Amino acid sequence: MPSLRRRLIPVAIVVAAAACAGSSTGGTALVPLRAPSAAAAAGPCGLSLPRPVRGELAFRIPSGGRAARRPLVGRLMLCTLFRKDGSRFARLYSDSHARVLGVAFYRSSGVLWSAVDTSYAVAPEEIGASVKCDSSSQASIGPAHWREPRHWWIGATAKGIDRDVVVDAVRNAQSEWTNNINWCGIKDEASPPAQYEGKTSGAVKHDGKSVIDWGSLENDQDCNGALACTGTWYDEQGNPVESDIRFNTAFKWSTEGASDAYDIQSVAAHEIGHVLQFDHVTNQSKRDYTELMWPYVDIGDTTGRKLGRGDALQDNSHY
C-alpha cells in the first residue's frame, strides 16, 4: 500500500457501535467519541445505524428476507439485503470505520428506488483526494443518467459566509461538470441537462424538487458524520427525477481555500458528481485518490475545483 501523503486527526468518525459528534469549528482538534444515540440499533451485517429521518426507507432486513456481507478491495464492506422472494431490496457500502459511503434501495422489479452517497473527512489510515490525471477509473450508481433537465435550487447556506458567495461556489462546482473543466486538458464534449433556478426558503426533503442546502446530518441513517450527502430518487423505469444535496453544518466551510476549513466548491463538485449518477472510486492501488469521486477529503484541499481524468472521461461518455 502506498504511504499516506498526509495524516490528519479525524474531524468525524462513525463506528459500528458509536458515533462521533462533528466539530463545530471544523478544525483539526480531536472530537471525543460519545455513546450511540437511542435512535441507533443493531442492524444487518453488524452495522448500528440511526433511524431514517427524512422519510427514506429503513436499512432493515425485510420480513422473511436475509442479509449477505462481502468484503471488497480497499477495506470496504458490501452489505446486501434480500427480500423473501430473493430479489434485492437494498445494498450498503461502508468503510473500515463503518461509515456509510453509499446506500441504495431497489424496487422488486430490480429498478432503483433511491440512492444516497456521501463524502467524508479523512480519518487515520486513509488518504485524501488529490485530484489530477493519474487514474482513469469510473463508476456509475446505476444504469441510467439524467436525460431530462434537472432544475435545482439553493436553500440555507454556510453560516459566516455571504450567501451569494456560497451560491457562486456551488454554481462553479456545477460548471466543472457542465463544461468539463479538468486537470488533464481533455476536451469538453459534455452537456449535463441542468438549470439553476435560484434561491429557495425550502429545505432538502423528498418532494420532487432538487435542493442544495446546509443543515444537520447528525443521527442520519445514510449520512451520519459525513461532510456532505446526496440523495437521488428514481421513477419506475429507474431514471433519476430528483437529487438533493446537504452540507453538514457541524464542519467549518470556506470559499477561499482556508487551511482550517473544507472547500465548498471541491466538496460540492464531488456531490454533484453523485447527482450526475457517478459513484465513488475506491481503489488506492490504482491511484483513485487522484479522482474527484474519491470519497475522502482533506481539510483545506482545493484540488477538487477541477475534474480528474476518469471524472472527465465519464462526464463526456455519459453526457
C-alpha atoms as a PDB file:
ATOM      1  CA  MET A   1       0.000   0.000   0.000  1.00  0.00           C
ATOM      2  CA  PRO A   2       1.422   3.434  -0.882  1.00  0.00           C
ATOM      3  CA  SER A   3       2.368   5.599   2.079  1.00  0.00           C
ATOM      4  CA  LEU A   4      -0.020   8.344   3.015  1.00  0.00           C
ATOM      5  CA  ARG A   5       0.744  11.790   1.681  1.00  0.00           C
ATOM      6  CA  ARG A   6      -0.808  13.404   4.725  1.00  0.00           C
ATOM      7  CA  ARG A   7      -2.176  12.172   8.037  1.00  0.00           C
ATOM      8  CA  LEU A   8      -4.880  14.241   9.684  1.00  0.00           C
ATOM      9  CA  ILE A   9      -6.621  13.941  13.011  1.00  0.00           C
ATOM     10  CA  PRO A  10     -10.183  12.927  12.108  1.00  0.00           C
ATOM     11  CA  VAL A  11     -12.899  15.543  12.338  1.00  0.00           C
ATOM     12  CA  ALA A  12     -15.683  12.961  12.329  1.00  0.00           C
ATOM     13  CA  ILE A  13     -15.710   9.182  12.533  1.00  0.00           C
ATOM     14  CA  VAL A  14     -18.675   6.830  12.711  1.00  0.00           C
ATOM     15  CA  VAL A  15     -18.003   3.342  14.036  1.00  0.00           C
ATOM     16  CA  ALA A  16     -20.282   0.358  14.272  1.00  0.00           C
ATOM     17  CA  ALA A  17     -21.216   0.856  17.915  1.00  0.00           C
ATOM     18  CA  ALA A  18     -20.535   4.555  18.467  1.00  0.00           C
ATOM     19  CA  ALA A  19     -20.892   7.877  16.721  1.00  0.00           C
ATOM     20  CA  CYS A  20     -18.698  10.909  16.831  1.00  0.00           C
ATOM     21  CA  ALA A  21     -20.118  14.394  17.108  1.00  0.00           C
ATOM     22  CA  GLY A  22     -18.975  16.767  14.362  1.00  0.00           C
ATOM     23  CA  SER A  23     -16.672  19.633  15.215  1.00  0.00           C
ATOM     24  CA  SER A  24     -18.443  22.953  15.469  1.00  0.00           C
ATOM     25  CA  THR A  25     -15.398  24.712  14.122  1.00  0.00           C
ATOM     26  CA  GLY A  26     -14.229  22.185  11.546  1.00  0.00           C
ATOM     27  CA  GLY A  27     -10.651  22.425  12.824  1.00  0.00           C
ATOM     28  CA  THR A  28      -8.296  19.543  13.472  1.00  0.00           C
ATOM     29  CA  ALA A  29      -8.948  19.106  17.207  1.00  0.00           C
ATOM     30  CA  LEU A  30      -9.840  15.547  18.185  1.00  0.00           C
ATOM     31  CA  VAL A  31     -13.553  15.103  18.857  1.00  0.00           C
ATOM     32  CA  PRO A  32     -14.224  12.513  21.591  1.00  0.00           C
ATOM     33  CA  LEU A  33     -16.471   9.549  20.889  1.00  0.00           C
ATOM     34  CA  ARG A  34     -19.843   9.511  22.577  1.00  0.00           C
ATOM     35  CA  ALA A  35     -22.286   6.730  23.266  1.00  0.00           C
ATOM     36  CA  PRO A  36     -24.641   5.814  20.433  1.00  0.00           C
ATOM     37  CA  SER A  37     -27.965   7.610  20.472  1.00  0.00           C
ATOM     38  CA  ALA A  38     -31.131   5.845  21.470  1.00  0.00           C
ATOM     39  CA  ALA A  39     -32.127   6.013  17.806  1.00  0.00           C
ATOM     40  CA  ALA A  40     -29.316   3.625  16.840  1.00  0.00           C
ATOM     41  CA  ALA A  41     -29.929  -0.104  16.958  1.00  0.00           C
ATOM     42  CA  ALA A  42     -28.045  -3.213  15.926  1.00  0.00           C
ATOM     43  CA  GLY A  43     -28.741  -3.876  12.266  1.00  0.00           C
ATOM     44  CA  PRO A  44     -27.750  -6.108   9.359  1.00  0.00           C
ATOM     45  CA  CYS A  45     -24.074  -7.039   8.845  1.00  0.00           C
ATOM     46  CA  GLY A  46     -23.166  -5.797  12.325  1.00  0.00           C
ATOM     47  CA  LEU A  47     -23.981  -2.170  11.495  1.00  0.00           C
ATOM     48  CA  SER A  48     -25.610   0.147  14.017  1.00  0.00           C
ATOM     49  CA  LEU A  49     -27.433   2.853  12.111  1.00  0.00           C
ATOM     50  CA  PRO A  50     -29.716   5.649  13.283  1.00  0.00           C
ATOM     51  CA  ARG A  51     -33.319   5.592  12.175  1.00  0.00           C
ATOM     52  CA  PRO A  52     -34.373   7.277   8.914  1.00  0.00           C
ATOM     53  CA  VAL A  53     -35.106  10.972   9.457  1.00  0.00           C
ATOM     54  CA  ARG A  54     -36.409  12.305   6.129  1.00  0.00           C
ATOM     55  CA  GLY A  55     -38.901   9.649   5.111  1.00  0.00           C
ATOM     56  CA  GLU A  56     -36.355   7.350   3.460  1.00  0.00           C
ATOM     57  CA  LEU A  57     -36.626   3.585   3.810  1.00  0.00           C
ATOM     58  CA  ALA A  58     -35.031   1.907   6.813  1.00  0.00           C
ATOM     59  CA  PHE A  59     -31.993  -0.291   6.165  1.00  0.00           C
ATOM     60  CA  ARG A  60     -33.510  -3.381   7.757  1.00  0.00           C
ATOM     61  CA  ILE A  61     -33.941  -6.950   6.542  1.00  0.00           C
ATOM     62  CA  PRO A  62     -37.417  -7.372   5.011  1.00  0.00           C
ATOM     63  CA  SER A  63     -39.698  -9.904   6.650  1.00  0.00           C
ATOM     64  CA  GLY A  64     -38.560 -13.367   5.652  1.00  0.00           C
ATOM     65  CA  GLY A  65     -35.500 -11.979   3.878  1.00  0.00           C
ATOM     66  CA  ARG A  66     -31.787 -12.168   4.593  1.00  0.00           C
ATOM     67  CA  ALA A  67     -28.556 -10.153   4.621  1.00  0.00           C
ATOM     68  CA  ALA A  68     -25.260 -11.015   2.940  1.00  0.00           C
ATOM     69  CA  ARG A  69     -21.926  -9.427   3.830  1.00  0.00           C
ATOM     70  CA  ARG A  70     -18.936  -9.340   1.464  1.00  0.00           C
ATOM     71  CA  PRO A  71     -15.525  -7.652   1.851  1.00  0.00           C
ATOM     72  CA  LEU A  72     -14.340  -5.502  -1.047  1.00  0.00           C
ATOM     73  CA  VAL A  73     -10.996  -4.098  -2.146  1.00  0.00           C
ATOM     74  CA  GLY A  74      -9.771  -1.132  -0.131  1.00  0.00           C
ATOM     75  CA  ARG A  75     -11.031  -2.347   3.263  1.00  0.00           C
ATOM     76  CA  LEU A  76     -14.631  -1.697   2.238  1.00  0.00           C
ATOM     77  CA  MET A  77     -17.638  -3.848   3.036  1.00  0.00           C
ATOM     78  CA  LEU A  78     -20.787  -4.502   0.999  1.00  0.00           C
ATOM     79  CA  CYS A  79     -23.972  -5.430   2.848  1.00  0.00           C
ATOM     80  CA  THR A  80     -26.847  -6.567   0.617  1.00  0.00           C
ATOM     81  CA  LEU A  81     -30.406  -7.154   1.811  1.00  0.00           C
ATOM     82  CA  PHE A  82     -32.728  -9.546   0.005  1.00  0.00           C
ATOM     83  CA  ARG A  83     -36.484  -9.959   0.134  1.00  0.00           C
ATOM     84  CA  LYS A  84     -38.135 -13.288   0.923  1.00  0.00           C
ATOM     85  CA  ASP A  85     -38.500 -13.958  -2.818  1.00  0.00           C
ATOM     86  CA  GLY A  86     -34.753 -13.475  -3.320  1.00  0.00           C
ATOM     87  CA  SER A  87     -34.973 -10.079  -5.025  1.00  0.00           C
ATOM     88  CA  ARG A  88     -32.515  -7.404  -3.906  1.00  0.00           C
ATOM     89  CA  PHE A  89     -34.031  -4.885  -1.510  1.00  0.00           C
ATOM     90  CA  ALA A  90     -31.019  -2.729  -0.621  1.00  0.00           C
ATOM     91  CA  ARG A  91     -27.237  -2.512  -0.656  1.00  0.00           C
ATOM     92  CA  LEU A  92     -24.876  -0.516   1.530  1.00  0.00           C
ATOM     93  CA  TYR A  93     -21.153   0.168   1.160  1.00  0.00           C
ATOM     94  CA  SER A  94     -19.234   1.068   4.320  1.00  0.00           C
ATOM     95  CA  ASP A  95     -15.566   1.721   5.052  1.00  0.00           C
ATOM     96  CA  SER A  96     -13.253   0.361   7.748  1.00  0.00           C
ATOM     97  CA  HIS A  97     -14.647   2.947  10.185  1.00  0.00           C
ATOM     98  CA  ALA A  98     -18.208   1.701   9.447  1.00  0.00           C
ATOM     99  CA  ARG A  99     -19.051   4.993   7.761  1.00  0.00           C
ATOM    100  CA  VAL A 100     -21.732   4.689   5.094  1.00  0.00           C
ATOM    101  CA  LEU A 101     -20.267   5.571   1.676  1.00  0.00           C
ATOM    102  CA  GLY A 102     -23.402   4.719  -0.232  1.00  0.00           C
ATOM    103  CA  VAL A 103     -26.780   3.055   0.232  1.00  0.00           C
ATOM    104  CA  ALA A 104     -29.428   2.226  -2.365  1.00  0.00           C
ATOM    105  CA  PHE A 105     -32.902   0.728  -2.296  1.00  0.00           C
ATOM    106  CA  TYR A 106     -34.469  -1.220  -5.145  1.00  0.00           C
ATOM    107  CA  ARG A 107     -37.993  -1.947  -6.296  1.00  0.00           C
ATOM    108  CA  SER A 108     -38.991  -5.606  -6.538  1.00  0.00           C
ATOM    109  CA  SER A 109     -38.515  -5.218 -10.298  1.00  0.00           C
ATOM    110  CA  GLY A 110     -34.809  -4.577  -9.658  1.00  0.00           C
ATOM    111  CA  VAL A 111     -35.054  -0.887 -10.599  1.00  0.00           C
ATOM    112  CA  LEU A 112     -33.516   1.711  -8.289  1.00  0.00           C
ATOM    113  CA  TRP A 113     -35.919   3.470  -5.929  1.00  0.00           C
ATOM    114  CA  SER A 114     -33.414   5.725  -4.163  1.00  0.00           C
ATOM    115  CA  ALA A 115     -29.674   6.140  -3.639  1.00  0.00           C
ATOM    116  CA  VAL A 116     -27.611   8.145  -1.163  1.00  0.00           C
ATOM    117  CA  ASP A 117     -23.864   8.806  -1.461  1.00  0.00           C
ATOM    118  CA  THR A 118     -21.510  10.807   0.735  1.00  0.00           C
ATOM    119  CA  SER A 119     -18.115  12.428   1.186  1.00  0.00           C
ATOM    120  CA  TYR A 120     -16.121  12.297   4.425  1.00  0.00           C
ATOM    121  CA  ALA A 121     -13.259  13.961   6.226  1.00  0.00           C
ATOM    122  CA  VAL A 122     -10.060  11.922   6.156  1.00  0.00           C
ATOM    123  CA  ALA A 123      -9.616   9.524   9.066  1.00  0.00           C
ATOM    124  CA  PRO A 124      -6.474   7.580  10.135  1.00  0.00           C
ATOM    125  CA  GLU A 125      -5.111   5.045   7.627  1.00  0.00           C
ATOM    126  CA  GLU A 126      -6.891   6.847   4.792  1.00  0.00           C
ATOM    127  CA  ILE A 127      -5.703   9.193   2.091  1.00  0.00           C
ATOM    128  CA  GLY A 128      -7.458  12.343   0.981  1.00  0.00           C
ATOM    129  CA  ALA A 129      -8.248  13.197  -2.622  1.00  0.00           C
ATOM    130  CA  SER A 130      -5.527  14.949  -4.608  1.00  0.00           C
ATOM    131  CA  VAL A 131      -7.258  15.437  -7.921  1.00  0.00           C
ATOM    132  CA  LYS A 132      -5.075  15.276 -11.027  1.00  0.00           C
ATOM    133  CA  CYS A 133      -4.593  12.959 -14.039  1.00  0.00           C
ATOM    134  CA  ASP A 134      -3.253   9.700 -12.617  1.00  0.00           C
ATOM    135  CA  SER A 135      -6.351   7.458 -12.821  1.00  0.00           C
ATOM    136  CA  SER A 136      -8.984   6.656 -15.435  1.00  0.00           C
ATOM    137  CA  SER A 137     -11.296   4.805 -13.016  1.00  0.00           C
ATOM    138  CA  GLN A 138     -15.023   5.312 -13.424  1.00  0.00           C
ATOM    139  CA  ALA A 139     -18.161   4.026 -11.690  1.00  0.00           C
ATOM    140  CA  SER A 140     -21.895   4.629 -12.010  1.00  0.00           C
ATOM    141  CA  ILE A 141     -24.578   4.381  -9.323  1.00  0.00           C
ATOM    142  CA  GLY A 142     -26.996   2.705 -11.732  1.00  0.00           C
ATOM    143  CA  PRO A 143     -27.575   2.184 -15.449  1.00  0.00           C
ATOM    144  CA  ALA A 144     -29.452   5.461 -16.050  1.00  0.00           C
ATOM    145  CA  HIS A 145     -28.231   9.057 -16.203  1.00  0.00           C
ATOM    146  CA  TRP A 146     -30.098  12.363 -16.478  1.00  0.00           C
ATOM    147  CA  ARG A 147     -31.775  12.895 -19.825  1.00  0.00           C
ATOM    148  CA  GLU A 148     -34.468  15.356 -18.777  1.00  0.00           C
ATOM    149  CA  PRO A 149     -33.367  18.770 -17.446  1.00  0.00           C
ATOM    150  CA  ARG A 150     -32.623  18.862 -13.716  1.00  0.00           C
ATOM    151  CA  HIS A 151     -33.909  22.113 -12.239  1.00  0.00           C
ATOM    152  CA  TRP A 152     -32.210  22.898  -8.944  1.00  0.00           C
ATOM    153  CA  TRP A 153     -32.340  25.494  -6.159  1.00  0.00           C
ATOM    154  CA  ILE A 154     -30.135  26.554  -3.226  1.00  0.00           C
ATOM    155  CA  GLY A 155     -31.599  26.835   0.268  1.00  0.00           C
ATOM    156  CA  ALA A 156     -29.816  27.714   3.515  1.00  0.00           C
ATOM    157  CA  THR A 157     -26.067  28.235   3.073  1.00  0.00           C
ATOM    158  CA  ALA A 158     -22.953  28.094   5.258  1.00  0.00           C
ATOM    159  CA  LYS A 159     -23.034  30.457   8.230  1.00  0.00           C
ATOM    160  CA  GLY A 160     -20.492  33.255   8.320  1.00  0.00           C
ATOM    161  CA  ILE A 161     -20.110  33.448   4.535  1.00  0.00           C
ATOM    162  CA  ASP A 162     -22.070  35.773   2.280  1.00  0.00           C
ATOM    163  CA  ARG A 163     -24.885  33.754   0.721  1.00  0.00           C
ATOM    164  CA  ASP A 164     -24.147  34.973  -2.788  1.00  0.00           C
ATOM    165  CA  VAL A 165     -20.502  33.916  -2.436  1.00  0.00           C
ATOM    166  CA  VAL A 166     -21.613  30.404  -1.420  1.00  0.00           C
ATOM    167  CA  VAL A 167     -24.046  30.261  -4.335  1.00  0.00           C
ATOM    168  CA  ASP A 168     -21.244  31.216  -6.725  1.00  0.00           C
ATOM    169  CA  ALA A 169     -19.015  28.444  -5.341  1.00  0.00           C
ATOM    170  CA  VAL A 170     -21.742  25.832  -5.802  1.00  0.00           C
ATOM    171  CA  ARG A 171     -22.516  27.058  -9.312  1.00  0.00           C
ATOM    172  CA  ASN A 172     -18.804  26.881 -10.129  1.00  0.00           C
ATOM    173  CA  ALA A 173     -18.881  23.269  -8.969  1.00  0.00           C
ATOM    174  CA  GLN A 174     -21.745  22.563 -11.370  1.00  0.00           C
ATOM    175  CA  SER A 175     -19.756  24.273 -14.122  1.00  0.00           C
ATOM    176  CA  GLU A 176     -16.895  21.810 -13.651  1.00  0.00           C
ATOM    177  CA  TRP A 177     -19.181  19.092 -14.991  1.00  0.00           C
ATOM    178  CA  THR A 178     -21.199  21.202 -17.434  1.00  0.00           C
ATOM    179  CA  ASN A 179     -18.030  22.493 -19.103  1.00  0.00           C
ATOM    180  CA  ASN A 180     -15.789  19.527 -18.239  1.00  0.00           C
ATOM    181  CA  ILE A 181     -13.173  21.661 -16.500  1.00  0.00           C
ATOM    182  CA  ASN A 182     -10.358  19.203 -15.765  1.00  0.00           C
ATOM    183  CA  TRP A 183      -6.669  18.987 -14.868  1.00  0.00           C
ATOM    184  CA  CYS A 184      -5.857  16.955 -17.966  1.00  0.00           C
ATOM    185  CA  GLY A 185      -6.682  19.128 -20.948  1.00  0.00           C
ATOM    186  CA  ILE A 186      -9.422  16.708 -22.023  1.00  0.00           C
ATOM    187  CA  LYS A 187     -11.742  18.428 -24.483  1.00  0.00           C
ATOM    188  CA  ASP A 188     -15.256  19.241 -23.272  1.00  0.00           C
ATOM    189  CA  GLU A 189     -17.840  17.079 -25.014  1.00  0.00           C
ATOM    190  CA  ALA A 190     -20.370  17.018 -22.172  1.00  0.00           C
ATOM    191  CA  SER A 191     -23.604  18.891 -21.593  1.00  0.00           C
ATOM    192  CA  PRO A 192     -25.409  17.640 -18.469  1.00  0.00           C
ATOM    193  CA  PRO A 193     -29.022  18.883 -18.564  1.00  0.00           C
ATOM    194  CA  ALA A 194     -29.083  21.164 -15.507  1.00  0.00           C
ATOM    195  CA  GLN A 195     -30.705  24.537 -14.862  1.00  0.00           C
ATOM    196  CA  TYR A 196     -30.109  26.658 -11.750  1.00  0.00           C
ATOM    197  CA  GLU A 197     -33.429  28.197 -10.665  1.00  0.00           C
ATOM    198  CA  GLY A 198     -32.264  30.476  -7.830  1.00  0.00           C
ATOM    199  CA  LYS A 199     -32.556  30.569  -4.050  1.00  0.00           C
ATOM    200  CA  THR A 200     -35.325  28.960  -2.045  1.00  0.00           C
ATOM    201  CA  SER A 201     -36.611  29.040   1.520  1.00  0.00           C
ATOM    202  CA  GLY A 202     -37.272  25.312   1.225  1.00  0.00           C
ATOM    203  CA  ALA A 203     -35.037  22.591   2.663  1.00  0.00           C
ATOM    204  CA  VAL A 204     -33.774  19.240   1.487  1.00  0.00           C
ATOM    205  CA  LYS A 205     -36.526  16.628   1.535  1.00  0.00           C
ATOM    206  CA  HIS A 206     -38.080  14.122  -0.849  1.00  0.00           C
ATOM    207  CA  ASP A 207     -40.641  16.394  -2.513  1.00  0.00           C
ATOM    208  CA  GLY A 208     -39.825  16.294  -6.229  1.00  0.00           C
ATOM    209  CA  LYS A 209     -37.685  19.443  -6.004  1.00  0.00           C
ATOM    210  CA  SER A 210     -33.884  19.264  -6.255  1.00  0.00           C
ATOM    211  CA  VAL A 211     -32.405  21.435  -3.484  1.00  0.00           C
ATOM    212  CA  ILE A 212     -28.897  22.046  -2.129  1.00  0.00           C
ATOM    213  CA  ASP A 213     -28.641  23.326   1.449  1.00  0.00           C
ATOM    214  CA  TRP A 214     -26.695  23.334   4.727  1.00  0.00           C
ATOM    215  CA  GLY A 215     -28.124  21.568   7.770  1.00  0.00           C
ATOM    216  CA  SER A 216     -27.612  18.835  10.357  1.00  0.00           C
ATOM    217  CA  LEU A 217     -26.601  15.310   9.383  1.00  0.00           C
ATOM    218  CA  GLU A 218     -26.383  14.059  12.971  1.00  0.00           C
ATOM    219  CA  ASN A 219     -28.155  10.751  13.623  1.00  0.00           C
ATOM    220  CA  ASP A 220     -28.907  10.442   9.914  1.00  0.00           C
ATOM    221  CA  GLN A 221     -29.188   6.796   8.803  1.00  0.00           C
ATOM    222  CA  ASP A 222     -27.422   7.311   5.477  1.00  0.00           C
ATOM    223  CA  CYS A 223     -25.135  10.271   6.188  1.00  0.00           C
ATOM    224  CA  ASN A 224     -24.203  10.320   9.887  1.00  0.00           C
ATOM    225  CA  GLY A 225     -20.943  12.273  10.273  1.00  0.00           C
ATOM    226  CA  ALA A 226     -20.495  12.986   6.561  1.00  0.00           C
ATOM    227  CA  LEU A 227     -19.181  16.264   5.186  1.00  0.00           C
ATOM    228  CA  ALA A 228     -21.981  16.236   2.645  1.00  0.00           C
ATOM    229  CA  CYS A 229     -24.601  13.830   1.390  1.00  0.00           C
ATOM    230  CA  THR A 230     -26.508  13.419  -1.895  1.00  0.00           C
ATOM    231  CA  GLY A 231     -29.858  11.665  -2.202  1.00  0.00           C
ATOM    232  CA  THR A 232     -31.444  10.742  -5.533  1.00  0.00           C
ATOM    233  CA  TRP A 233     -34.883   9.336  -6.285  1.00  0.00           C
ATOM    234  CA  TYR A 234     -35.906   7.455  -9.426  1.00  0.00           C
ATOM    235  CA  ASP A 235     -39.057   6.810 -11.436  1.00  0.00           C
ATOM    236  CA  GLU A 236     -40.378   3.305 -12.122  1.00  0.00           C
ATOM    237  CA  GLN A 237     -38.062   2.997 -15.118  1.00  0.00           C
ATOM    238  CA  GLY A 238     -35.026   3.829 -12.968  1.00  0.00           C
ATOM    239  CA  ASN A 239     -34.482   7.339 -14.345  1.00  0.00           C
ATOM    240  CA  PRO A 240     -33.320   9.976 -11.822  1.00  0.00           C
ATOM    241  CA  VAL A 241     -36.042  12.552 -11.153  1.00  0.00           C
ATOM    242  CA  GLU A 242     -34.841  14.369  -8.018  1.00  0.00           C
ATOM    243  CA  SER A 243     -31.440  14.897  -6.393  1.00  0.00           C
ATOM    244  CA  ASP A 244     -30.810  16.769  -3.144  1.00  0.00           C
ATOM    245  CA  ILE A 245     -27.502  17.689  -1.505  1.00  0.00           C
ATOM    246  CA  ARG A 246     -26.999  18.592   2.159  1.00  0.00           C
ATOM    247  CA  PHE A 247     -23.756  20.015   3.560  1.00  0.00           C
ATOM    248  CA  ASN A 248     -23.090  19.346   7.232  1.00  0.00           C
ATOM    249  CA  THR A 249     -23.220  22.440   9.449  1.00  0.00           C
ATOM    250  CA  ALA A 250     -21.025  20.623  12.006  1.00  0.00           C
ATOM    251  CA  PHE A 251     -17.990  21.495   9.858  1.00  0.00           C
ATOM    252  CA  LYS A 252     -16.310  24.769   9.002  1.00  0.00           C
ATOM    253  CA  TRP A 253     -16.597  25.793   5.335  1.00  0.00           C
ATOM    254  CA  SER A 254     -14.679  28.196   3.116  1.00  0.00           C
ATOM    255  CA  THR A 255     -14.682  29.562  -0.420  1.00  0.00           C
ATOM    256  CA  GLU A 256     -11.138  30.956  -0.104  1.00  0.00           C
ATOM    257  CA  GLY A 257      -9.069  27.820   0.393  1.00  0.00           C
ATOM    258  CA  ALA A 258      -8.704  28.349   4.150  1.00  0.00           C
ATOM    259  CA  SER A 259      -6.431  25.723   5.711  1.00  0.00           C
ATOM    260  CA  ASP A 260      -8.792  25.154   8.651  1.00  0.00           C
ATOM    261  CA  ALA A 261     -11.995  24.642   6.641  1.00  0.00           C
ATOM    262  CA  TYR A 262     -13.436  22.464   3.900  1.00  0.00           C
ATOM    263  CA  ASP A 263     -13.613  23.902   0.412  1.00  0.00           C
ATOM    264  CA  ILE A 264     -17.209  24.382  -0.704  1.00  0.00           C
ATOM    265  CA  GLN A 265     -16.551  24.142  -4.430  1.00  0.00           C
ATOM    266  CA  SER A 266     -14.469  20.952  -4.163  1.00  0.00           C
ATOM    267  CA  VAL A 267     -16.971  19.114  -1.958  1.00  0.00           C
ATOM    268  CA  ALA A 268     -19.919  20.422  -3.995  1.00  0.00           C
ATOM    269  CA  ALA A 269     -18.300  19.175  -7.205  1.00  0.00           C
ATOM    270  CA  HIS A 270     -17.919  15.696  -5.665  1.00  0.00           C
ATOM    271  CA  GLU A 271     -21.563  15.660  -4.591  1.00  0.00           C
ATOM    272  CA  ILE A 272     -22.764  16.957  -7.971  1.00  0.00           C
ATOM    273  CA  GLY A 273     -20.869  14.023  -9.447  1.00  0.00           C
ATOM    274  CA  HIS A 274     -23.228  11.806  -7.430  1.00  0.00           C
ATOM    275  CA  VAL A 275     -26.178  13.848  -8.685  1.00  0.00           C
ATOM    276  CA  LEU A 276     -24.987  13.032 -12.212  1.00  0.00           C
ATOM    277  CA  GLN A 277     -25.045   9.358 -11.156  1.00  0.00           C
ATOM    278  CA  PHE A 278     -21.293   8.837 -10.837  1.00  0.00           C
ATOM    279  CA  ASP A 279     -20.311   6.606  -7.931  1.00  0.00           C
ATOM    280  CA  HIS A 280     -17.208   6.516  -5.734  1.00  0.00           C
ATOM    281  CA  VAL A 281     -13.930   5.115  -6.994  1.00  0.00           C
ATOM    282  CA  THR A 282     -12.057   3.479  -4.136  1.00  0.00           C
ATOM    283  CA  ASN A 283      -9.031   1.507  -5.364  1.00  0.00           C
ATOM    284  CA  GLN A 284      -5.964   3.125  -3.808  1.00  0.00           C
ATOM    285  CA  SER A 285      -3.563   0.834  -5.718  1.00  0.00           C
ATOM    286  CA  LYS A 286      -4.918   2.327  -8.952  1.00  0.00           C
ATOM    287  CA  ARG A 287      -4.363   5.839  -7.559  1.00  0.00           C
ATOM    288  CA  ASP A 288      -8.104   6.501  -7.498  1.00  0.00           C
ATOM    289  CA  TYR A 289      -7.454   9.220  -4.899  1.00  0.00           C
ATOM    290  CA  THR A 290      -6.480  11.386  -7.885  1.00  0.00           C
ATOM    291  CA  GLU A 291     -10.157  11.374  -8.935  1.00  0.00           C
ATOM    292  CA  LEU A 292     -12.786  13.830  -7.747  1.00  0.00           C
ATOM    293  CA  MET A 293     -15.060  10.864  -6.981  1.00  0.00           C
ATOM    294  CA  TRP A 294     -12.677   9.524  -4.291  1.00  0.00           C
ATOM    295  CA  PRO A 295     -14.808   9.649  -1.103  1.00  0.00           C
ATOM    296  CA  TYR A 296     -12.354  11.304   1.345  1.00  0.00           C
ATOM    297  CA  VAL A 297     -11.432  14.985   1.551  1.00  0.00           C
ATOM    298  CA  ASP A 298      -8.563  16.703   3.360  1.00  0.00           C
ATOM    299  CA  ILE A 299      -9.301  19.907   5.225  1.00  0.00           C
ATOM    300  CA  GLY A 300      -8.148  22.910   3.178  1.00  0.00           C
ATOM    301  CA  ASP A 301      -7.779  20.918  -0.059  1.00  0.00           C
ATOM    302  CA  THR A 302      -8.970  22.689  -3.229  1.00  0.00           C
ATOM    303  CA  THR A 303      -7.841  20.221  -5.916  1.00  0.00           C
ATOM    304  CA  GLY A 304     -11.481  19.271  -6.468  1.00  0.00           C
ATOM    305  CA  ARG A 305     -12.037  22.564  -8.270  1.00  0.00           C
ATOM    306  CA  LYS A 306     -11.208  20.625 -11.441  1.00  0.00           C
ATOM    307  CA  LEU A 307     -12.069  17.100 -12.556  1.00  0.00           C
ATOM    308  CA  GLY A 308      -9.572  14.245 -12.712  1.00  0.00           C
ATOM    309  CA  ARG A 309      -9.008  12.052 -15.751  1.00  0.00           C
ATOM    310  CA  GLY A 310     -11.633   9.400 -15.025  1.00  0.00           C
ATOM    311  CA  ASP A 311     -14.142  12.084 -13.988  1.00  0.00           C
ATOM    312  CA  ALA A 312     -13.673  13.975 -17.253  1.00  0.00           C
ATOM    313  CA  LEU A 313     -13.853  10.836 -19.382  1.00  0.00           C
ATOM    314  CA  GLN A 314     -17.090   9.599 -17.807  1.00  0.00           C
ATOM    315  CA  ASP A 315     -18.596  13.080 -17.995  1.00  0.00           C
ATOM    316  CA  ASN A 316     -18.025  13.073 -21.761  1.00  0.00           C
ATOM    317  CA  SER A 317     -19.169   9.476 -22.242  1.00  0.00           C
ATOM    318  CA  HIS A 318     -22.482   9.855 -20.382  1.00  0.00           C
ATOM    319  CA  TYR A 319     -23.410  13.457 -21.192  1.00  0.00           C
END
